[in-house]
Amino acid sequence: MSRNNRVVRKNLNKISTFSFAARIKSFSYAFAGIAVLIKSQHNAWIHLLATTLVISCGLFFQIESVEWCLVILAILAVFVSETLNTAIEFLCDVASPAPHPLIQKSKDVAAGAVLISAIGAVIIGLIIFLPYFKAYL
């Protein structure tokens, strides 16, 4: 049996056992990923700014529970799509450091997913907040 096969078999055996320590350690990996996203992606900074603004408006206008749920889902959709887009970009850069038309298409599609979720979040925000702004003015 080759060394690579032994390593794969050993790793498969590790996967089948449950460990609370490993679960807790997995959180550190997740937080490290979020930190990479925030530190490396300028669009994530824009999303954070928009999130802060939207949460501030929600607190100011005292929006209803259902409205909070929709706002939170919209925020999550944008951040999840931005995170997946970043992961896809990192993987593409490793898989094909040189420009390749299919790599470019996959990056464009992933970026399109972020744009779609951001547009959806803006629409949800307008539906929720426009009546509050109108009533306030």
Protein backbone atom coordinates (compact mmCIF):
# COMPACT_ATOMS: atom_id res chain seq x y z
CA MET A 1 0.00 0.00 0.00
CA SER A 2 1.44 3.37 -0.97
CA ARG A 3 2.01 6.15 1.52
CA ASN A 4 -0.79 8.26 -0.01
CA ASN A 5 -3.27 5.41 0.33
CA ARG A 6 -2.28 4.96 4.00
CA VAL A 7 -2.76 8.69 4.64
CA VAL A 8 -6.18 8.64 2.98
CA ARG A 9 -7.23 5.55 4.93
CA LYS A 10 -5.95 7.09 8.20
CA ASN A 11 -7.87 10.32 7.47
CA LEU A 12 -11.04 8.36 6.67
CA ASN A 13 -10.78 6.63 10.04
CA LYS A 14 -10.46 10.02 11.77
CA ILE A 15 -13.61 11.29 10.07
CA SER A 16 -15.75 8.49 11.51
CA THR A 17 -15.00 9.31 15.16
CA PHE A 18 -16.78 12.15 16.92
CA SER A 19 -14.87 14.52 19.13
CA PHE A 20 -16.14 17.58 20.99
CA ALA A 21 -12.64 19.05 20.90
CA ALA A 22 -12.58 18.71 17.11
CA ARG A 23 -16.01 20.34 16.84
CA ILE A 24 -14.84 23.24 18.97
CA LYS A 25 -11.64 23.53 16.90
CA SER A 26 -13.77 23.67 13.73
CA PHE A 27 -15.24 26.93 15.03
CA SER A 28 -11.76 28.45 15.07
CA TYR A 29 -11.39 27.54 11.38
CA ALA A 30 -14.75 29.12 10.60
CA PHE A 31 -13.85 32.32 12.46
CA ALA A 32 -10.49 32.38 10.66
CA GLY A 33 -12.38 32.16 7.36
CA ILE A 34 -14.62 35.06 8.33
CA ALA A 35 -11.53 37.07 9.28
CA VAL A 36 -9.97 36.34 5.86
CA LEU A 37 -13.18 37.50 4.19
CA ILE A 38 -13.29 40.76 6.13
CA LYS A 39 -9.57 41.49 5.79
CA SER A 40 -9.24 40.66 2.11
CA GLN A 41 -12.51 41.60 0.42
CA HIS A 42 -13.38 45.25 -0.03
CA ASN A 43 -16.95 44.34 -0.97
CA ALA A 44 -17.33 42.67 2.42
CA TRP A 45 -16.53 46.06 3.98
CA ILE A 46 -19.37 47.58 1.96
CA HIS A 47 -21.69 44.79 3.12
CA LEU A 48 -20.66 45.43 6.74
CA LEU A 49 -21.36 49.14 6.34
CA ALA A 50 -24.76 48.42 4.78
CA THR A 51 -25.51 45.89 7.54
CA THR A 52 -24.68 48.47 10.21
CA LEU A 53 -26.89 51.05 8.52
CA VAL A 54 -29.81 48.64 8.11
CA ILE A 55 -29.60 47.39 11.70
CA SER A 56 -29.45 50.99 12.93
CA CYS A 57 -32.54 51.86 10.89
CA GLY A 58 -34.32 48.77 12.21
CA LEU A 59 -33.58 49.77 15.78
CA PHE A 60 -34.53 53.40 15.14
CA PHE A 61 -37.86 52.54 13.50
CA GLN A 62 -38.51 49.61 15.86
CA ILE A 63 -39.45 47.29 13.01
CA GLU A 64 -41.61 44.25 13.69
CA SER A 65 -40.28 40.74 14.42
CA VAL A 66 -41.20 39.41 10.98
CA GLU A 67 -39.47 42.39 9.38
CA TRP A 68 -36.35 41.67 11.45
CA CYS A 69 -36.44 38.08 10.22
CA LEU A 70 -36.59 39.23 6.62
CA VAL A 71 -33.82 41.78 7.13
CA ILE A 72 -31.61 39.18 8.82
CA LEU A 73 -32.26 36.66 6.03
CA ALA A 74 -31.38 39.27 3.42
CA ILE A 75 -28.16 40.17 5.25
CA LEU A 76 -27.25 36.50 5.60
CA ALA A 77 -27.92 35.85 1.91
CA VAL A 78 -25.51 38.61 0.92
CA PHE A 79 -22.78 37.49 3.31
CA VAL A 80 -23.14 33.82 2.41
CA SER A 81 -22.94 34.59 -1.30
CA GLU A 82 -19.95 36.91 -0.77
CA THR A 83 -18.22 34.23 1.29
CA LEU A 84 -18.83 31.52 -1.31
CA ASN A 85 -17.72 33.90 -4.06
CA THR A 86 -14.47 34.53 -2.21
CA ALA A 87 -13.90 30.81 -1.69
CA ILE A 88 -14.50 30.13 -5.38
CA GLU A 89 -12.10 32.92 -6.36
CA PHE A 90 -9.37 31.53 -4.08
CA LEU A 91 -9.83 28.02 -5.48
CA CYS A 92 -9.82 29.27 -9.06
CA ASP A 93 -6.60 31.18 -8.46
CA VAL A 94 -4.92 28.01 -7.20
CA ALA A 95 -6.36 25.76 -9.91
CA SER A 96 -5.43 28.10 -12.72
CA PRO A 97 -3.00 30.89 -11.88
CA ALA A 98 -2.86 31.81 -15.56
CA PRO A 99 -5.96 33.36 -17.13
CA HIS A 100 -8.43 30.77 -18.47
CA PRO A 101 -11.85 31.48 -20.03
CA LEU A 102 -13.69 28.88 -17.91
CA ILE A 103 -12.08 30.13 -14.71
CA GLN A 104 -13.16 33.65 -15.65
CA LYS A 105 -16.71 32.42 -16.28
CA SER A 106 -16.87 30.67 -12.91
CA LYS A 107 -15.63 33.81 -11.15
CA ASP A 108 -18.14 35.92 -13.06
CA VAL A 109 -21.02 33.58 -12.17
CA ALA A 110 -20.02 33.60 -8.49
CA ALA A 111 -19.83 37.41 -8.54
CA GLY A 112 -23.24 37.42 -10.22
CA ALA A 113 -24.64 35.45 -7.29
CA VAL A 114 -23.45 38.17 -4.93
CA LEU A 115 -25.05 40.83 -7.10
CA ILE A 116 -28.35 38.94 -7.24
CA SER A 117 -28.45 38.54 -3.45
CA ALA A 118 -27.50 42.20 -2.93
CA ILE A 119 -30.25 43.37 -5.30
CA GLY A 120 -32.72 41.12 -3.45
CA ALA A 121 -31.57 42.56 -0.12
CA VAL A 122 -32.05 46.12 -1.40
CA ILE A 123 -35.56 45.28 -2.60
CA ILE A 124 -36.42 43.72 0.77
CA GLY A 125 -34.98 46.78 2.51
CA LEU A 126 -37.04 49.14 0.37
CA ILE A 127 -40.24 47.18 0.97
CA ILE A 128 -39.66 47.22 4.72
CA PHE A 129 -38.19 50.66 5.29
CA LEU A 130 -39.92 52.93 2.76
CA PRO A 131 -43.19 53.04 4.74
CA TYR A 132 -41.24 53.91 7.90
CA PHE A 133 -39.33 56.69 6.13
CA LYS A 134 -42.55 58.05 4.62
CA ALA A 135 -44.27 58.07 8.00
CA TYR A 136 -41.25 59.71 9.63
CA LEU A 137 -41.02 62.52 7.09
